[in-house]
Protein backbone atom coordinates (compact mmCIF):
# COMPACT_ATOMS: atom_id res chain seq x y z
CA MET A 1 0.13 0.35 0.11
CA ILE A 2 1.50 3.60 -0.83
CA ALA A 3 1.87 6.02 2.42
CA ARG A 4 -0.52 8.60 2.55
CA PRO A 5 1.42 12.07 1.95
CA SER A 6 1.20 13.58 5.15
CA THR A 7 2.55 10.40 6.86
CA THR A 8 6.45 10.33 7.66
CA GLU A 9 7.53 6.96 7.57
CA LEU A 10 10.38 7.02 9.60
CA GLU A 11 12.07 3.61 8.40
CA ALA A 12 12.36 5.14 4.80
CA SER A 13 12.90 9.08 5.43
CA THR A 14 15.82 11.04 4.68
CA VAL A 15 17.74 13.70 6.28
CA ASP A 16 19.69 16.49 4.68
CA VAL A 17 22.47 16.70 7.44
CA LEU A 18 23.56 13.86 10.07
CA VAL A 19 25.75 15.36 12.82
CA VAL A 20 27.52 12.67 14.55
CA ASP A 21 29.19 13.93 18.04
CA ASP A 22 28.84 11.96 21.61
CA ASP A 23 28.38 15.69 23.41
CA PRO A 24 24.55 15.86 23.57
CA GLY A 25 24.47 19.69 24.07
CA PHE A 26 27.23 20.56 20.80
CA ARG A 27 24.28 17.95 18.98
CA GLU A 28 21.56 20.16 20.19
CA THR A 29 22.78 23.72 19.15
CA MET A 30 24.26 21.86 16.04
CA LEU A 31 20.43 20.59 15.01
CA GLU A 32 18.63 24.00 16.00
CA TRP A 33 20.59 26.19 14.03
CA LEU A 34 20.85 23.81 11.07
CA GLN A 35 16.94 23.44 11.52
CA GLN A 36 16.70 27.43 11.59
CA GLU A 37 19.10 27.45 8.28
CA GLY A 38 16.19 24.86 6.51
CA TRP A 39 18.01 21.66 6.64
CA VAL A 40 16.32 18.60 7.42
CA THR A 41 18.55 17.10 10.40
CA ALA A 42 19.06 13.60 12.28
CA ALA A 43 21.85 12.92 14.97
CA ALA A 44 23.84 10.17 16.25
CA ALA A 45 26.19 10.03 19.32
CA ASP A 46 28.41 7.45 17.76
CA GLY A 47 30.01 5.50 14.60
CA VAL A 48 27.52 2.29 14.97
CA GLU A 49 24.65 4.34 15.24
CA ALA A 50 25.80 6.81 13.02
CA LEU A 51 26.78 3.73 10.10
CA ARG A 52 22.91 2.37 10.69
CA LEU A 53 21.15 5.81 9.95
CA VAL A 54 23.22 6.84 7.04
CA ARG A 55 21.83 3.53 5.18
CA ASP A 56 18.49 3.88 6.96
CA ARG A 57 18.42 7.77 5.99
CA SER A 58 20.68 8.80 3.14
CA PRO A 59 21.74 11.88 4.24
CA ARG A 60 23.27 14.53 1.94
CA VAL A 61 26.11 14.88 4.26
CA VAL A 62 27.63 13.61 7.74
CA LEU A 63 28.75 16.02 10.38
CA LEU A 64 31.47 14.15 11.95
CA ASP A 65 33.19 14.03 15.28
CA LEU A 66 36.43 12.35 15.60
CA GLU A 67 37.04 11.44 19.32
CA MET A 68 34.11 9.16 20.49
CA PRO A 69 33.29 6.56 22.64
CA GLY A 70 32.59 3.05 20.74
CA MET A 71 32.79 3.46 17.40
CA ASN A 72 34.95 6.87 17.13
CA GLY A 73 35.19 8.91 14.05
CA TRP A 74 38.19 7.53 12.53
CA GLN A 75 36.60 3.76 12.61
CA PHE A 76 33.46 5.38 10.89
CA LEU A 77 35.51 6.70 8.22
CA GLU A 78 37.61 3.34 8.09
CA ARG A 79 34.08 1.40 7.54
CA ARG A 80 32.66 3.74 5.10
CA ARG A 81 35.84 3.34 2.94
CA HIS A 82 35.09 -0.49 2.54
CA ASP A 83 31.18 0.09 1.97
CA ARG A 84 30.26 1.89 -1.61
CA THR A 85 26.77 2.82 -0.15
CA LEU A 86 28.66 4.47 2.35
CA ALA A 87 31.64 6.18 0.53
CA ASN A 88 29.05 7.65 -1.78
CA VAL A 89 28.08 10.37 1.42
CA PRO A 90 30.40 13.29 1.87
CA VAL A 91 31.78 13.78 5.10
CA ILE A 92 32.76 17.03 6.65
CA VAL A 93 34.95 16.20 10.14
CA LEU A 94 34.42 18.58 13.22
CA THR A 95 37.32 18.72 15.44
CA ALA A 96 39.64 20.66 17.16
CA LEU A 97 42.87 18.59 15.41
CA GLU A 98 42.81 19.59 12.59
CA SER A 99 45.96 19.07 11.62
CA ALA A 100 44.97 15.19 11.81
CA VAL A 101 42.62 14.77 9.08
CA SER A 102 45.33 17.68 6.92
CA GLY A 103 45.49 16.14 2.91
CA ARG A 104 43.01 13.03 3.72
CA GLN A 105 41.05 12.09 0.05
CA ASP A 106 38.13 10.48 2.22
CA ILE A 107 36.69 13.90 3.38
CA ALA A 108 34.91 16.57 2.12
CA GLY A 109 36.13 19.17 4.14
CA CYS A 110 37.15 20.18 8.01
CA LEU A 111 36.33 22.58 10.28
CA GLN A 112 37.74 23.13 13.59
CA LYS A 113 36.02 23.11 16.64
CA PRO A 114 34.88 25.51 18.55
CA ILE A 115 32.51 25.64 14.98
CA ASP A 116 32.47 28.83 12.97
CA LEU A 117 29.01 28.77 11.89
CA ASP A 118 29.46 31.11 8.85
CA ALA A 119 32.37 28.86 7.86
CA LEU A 120 29.91 25.97 8.47
CA SER A 121 27.23 27.47 6.23
CA ARG A 122 29.81 27.92 3.41
CA ALA A 123 30.65 24.41 3.86
CA LEU A 124 27.53 23.17 3.57
CA GLY A 125 25.90 25.85 0.50
CA PRO A 126 22.54 27.02 0.50
CA ALA A 127 19.63 24.82 2.17
CA PRO A 128 17.52 22.47 -0.52
CA SER A 129 13.94 24.26 -0.81
CA ALA A 130 11.52 22.06 1.14
CA GLU A 131 8.01 22.64 2.52
CA PRO A 132 7.85 23.74 5.59
CA ARG A 133 6.32 22.09 8.33
CA PRO A 134 2.16 22.91 8.61
CA ALA A 135 2.21 25.47 11.87
CA SER A 136 -1.76 24.58 11.58
CA ARG A 137 -1.53 20.61 11.77
CA PRO A 138 0.17 19.35 15.22
CA ILE A 139 2.49 16.78 14.61
CA ILE A 140 1.62 13.20 16.61
CA VAL A 141 4.39 10.26 16.76
CA VAL A 142 2.73 6.99 16.66
CA VAL A 143 5.46 4.38 18.21
CA ASP A 144 4.07 0.45 17.34
CA ASP A 145 6.06 -2.38 16.39
CA ASP A 146 2.81 -3.96 14.71
CA GLU A 147 2.81 -2.22 11.18
CA ASP A 148 -0.99 -2.59 11.30
CA THR A 149 -1.69 -0.99 13.96
CA ARG A 150 0.51 2.25 12.99
CA ALA A 151 -1.28 2.40 9.65
CA SER A 152 -4.85 2.53 11.47
CA LEU A 153 -3.71 4.68 14.07
CA SER A 154 -2.02 6.82 11.21
CA GLU A 155 -5.07 7.33 9.06
CA MET A 156 -7.49 7.51 12.28
CA LEU A 157 -5.31 10.46 13.24
CA GLU A 158 -4.66 12.52 9.54
CA ASP A 159 -8.65 11.98 9.01
CA ALA A 160 -9.09 14.10 12.49
CA GLY A 161 -6.72 16.90 11.07
CA TYR A 162 -3.10 16.00 12.47
CA GLN A 163 0.19 15.19 10.83
CA VAL A 164 1.64 11.75 11.35
CA ALA A 165 5.04 10.21 11.83
CA ARG A 166 5.33 6.73 12.67
CA ALA A 167 8.13 4.73 14.36
CA SER A 168 8.08 0.81 14.70
CA ASN A 169 10.51 1.17 18.07
CA GLY A 170 11.83 3.61 20.94
CA GLN A 171 14.88 3.72 18.85
CA GLU A 172 13.72 4.56 15.87
CA ALA A 173 11.66 7.52 17.61
CA GLU A 174 14.23 8.67 19.69
CA ALA A 175 16.34 9.29 16.26
CA TYR A 176 13.18 11.00 14.75
CA LEU A 177 13.03 13.27 17.74
CA LEU A 178 16.95 14.00 17.78
CA GLY A 179 16.57 15.39 14.30
CA GLN A 180 12.87 17.72 14.33
CA PRO A 181 11.64 20.29 16.38
CA PRO A 182 9.36 18.35 18.81
CA PRO A 183 5.83 16.92 18.17
CA ASP A 184 2.68 17.73 19.68
CA CYS A 185 2.43 14.21 20.95
CA ILE A 186 3.46 11.03 20.99
CA VAL A 187 1.64 7.79 20.75
CA LEU A 188 3.49 4.93 22.86
CA ASP A 189 2.84 1.28 22.78
CA LEU A 190 4.75 -0.61 25.78
CA TRP A 191 6.07 -3.84 24.55
CA MET A 192 8.26 -3.35 21.29
CA PRO A 193 11.80 -4.79 20.41
CA VAL A 194 14.96 -2.58 20.41
CA MET A 195 13.72 0.10 22.53
CA ASP A 196 10.26 -0.47 24.48
CA GLY A 197 8.10 2.07 25.91
CA TRP A 198 9.07 1.98 29.42
CA GLN A 199 12.87 2.16 27.99
CA PHE A 200 11.76 5.16 25.64
CA THR A 201 9.88 7.13 28.22
CA ASN A 202 13.55 7.13 30.21
CA ARG A 203 15.33 7.77 27.43
CA LEU A 204 13.05 10.76 27.22
CA GLN A 205 14.04 12.39 30.57
CA GLN A 206 17.70 11.80 30.05
CA LEU A 207 17.79 13.98 26.93
CA GLY A 208 16.14 16.62 28.44
CA GLY A 209 14.61 19.01 25.94
CA PRO A 210 10.47 20.44 26.55
CA PRO A 211 8.46 18.11 27.74
CA VAL A 212 5.70 16.20 24.68
CA PRO A 213 2.97 14.59 26.08
CA ILE A 214 2.77 10.81 25.53
CA VAL A 215 -0.59 8.99 25.10
CA VAL A 216 0.42 5.09 26.10
CA ILE A 217 -1.70 2.01 24.22
CA THR A 218 -1.28 -1.19 25.28
CA ALA A 219 -2.31 -4.64 26.25
CA ALA A 220 -0.31 -4.98 29.40
CA GLU A 221 -1.79 -4.54 32.53
CA PRO A 222 -1.71 -2.42 34.91
CA TYR A 223 0.45 -4.26 37.47
CA TRP A 224 3.85 -3.51 35.47
CA GLY A 225 3.50 -0.06 36.25
CA TYR A 226 2.60 2.55 33.51
CA PRO A 227 5.33 5.31 32.34
CA VAL A 228 2.24 7.75 32.31
CA PRO A 229 -1.03 8.54 34.26
CA ARG A 230 -3.86 5.90 33.91
CA SER A 231 -5.85 8.92 32.55
CA LEU A 232 -3.64 8.85 29.15
CA VAL A 233 -3.92 5.48 28.86
CA VAL A 234 -6.01 3.63 26.19
CA ARG A 235 -6.10 -0.75 26.69
CA LYS A 236 -5.84 -1.94 23.30
CA PRO A 237 -8.14 -3.24 21.46
CA ILE A 238 -8.40 0.16 20.69
CA TYR A 239 -11.78 2.24 20.04
CA PRO A 240 -11.61 4.96 17.68
CA ASN A 241 -13.92 6.70 19.62
CA GLU A 242 -12.08 6.64 22.94
CA PHE A 243 -8.91 7.07 21.78
CA LEU A 244 -9.40 9.93 19.23
CA ALA A 245 -11.23 11.75 22.20
CA LEU A 246 -8.50 11.05 24.78
CA ILE A 247 -5.99 12.84 21.41
CA LYS A 248 -8.59 15.74 21.33
CA ARG A 249 -8.04 16.33 25.10
CA VAL A 250 -4.53 16.31 24.84
CA VAL A 251 -3.67 18.33 21.58
CA PRO A 252 -6.59 19.64 19.87
CA PRO A 253 -6.69 19.23 15.88
CA ALA A 254 -6.03 22.25 13.67
CA GLY A 255 -9.10 24.91 13.97
CA GLU A 256 -10.45 23.49 17.63
CA LEU A 257 -9.64 25.14 20.68
CA PRO A 258 -8.69 23.10 23.56
CA ALA A 259 -11.13 22.34 26.24
CA ARG A 260 -11.60 24.37 29.56
CA ALA A 261 -10.34 22.90 32.51
CA GLY A 262 -13.40 21.47 34.31
CA ALA A 263 -15.70 21.89 31.29
CA SER A 264 -18.51 18.97 30.65
CA GLU A 265 -18.41 16.80 27.90
CA THR A 266 -21.03 16.05 26.03
C-alpha cells in the first residue's frame, strides 16, 4: 500500500544533514542552528548509530566528530571506505585537531572546533528548498511495532486533522526526535523490540528538552506499571472514538480550541 503523503514513515525517511557527536549539548546546538537554516536533520552519538542512520536515512552530508566512545570517527571513516553505499555520502569532519586529517582524500572538508557557523554555512552551501511544516497541523508520532496498528492509527489521526510520523520502536522514535522539532504528542506502545515504551520514556527524561505529552496504547496490565498517568492510557484493543477523544483533549486538532478545565463533556 502506498503511504499517505501527510505521513512521515521513519523507516524510509531521508535527511539532509546527519550530526555525529557524543556531546549532547553540541548536538542540540548544531541541530537547532541547522533546522533554523532550513536543513532536515538527524543525530547520532557514535559511529555505530551513524552507520545505521546513513544506511536507513541517506543523508546528503555527515558532520563527523572524531573522538567518541564506542566506534569513533576514525573507525567510522574506515568502515565507510570499504562500503560503496557509505562512501558516496560526503563527510565533513568537526574536530579540535584539524591537522590530524589534513590531506585526507576520503573527506569533503574539515572544520575546527569550536565551530564557526559562517564557515559551516559556506561548507554546506544553501539548504535545499522544502515545504515548511504546516503550523496549523499538530504533529503526532505513533510508536508501535505492529505495522497494521501504526497504519490504522495514522489514518485515524490524519482524518482527524493531525500530521503523523511513525516509528516501529523506541530507538527509531528517538532518532527522529533528535533531528526534528518536538512533536505535539507521542502515541506509544509499551511492548516493542529493540527499545520498549518504558525504556523510551526514560530516554526522553535523560535527553531533556521541552516535555512532550505521551499517550500510551497497550495491552499490558496495570501491575506492570505505566510510565504515564492512568488517564493517558488506552487499553488495547483500541476503540476509535475513545482514542480520538483522549487525543483531542491532549492536543486539539487544527482549528479547535482546547477544552476548558472542568468543562462538561457531551
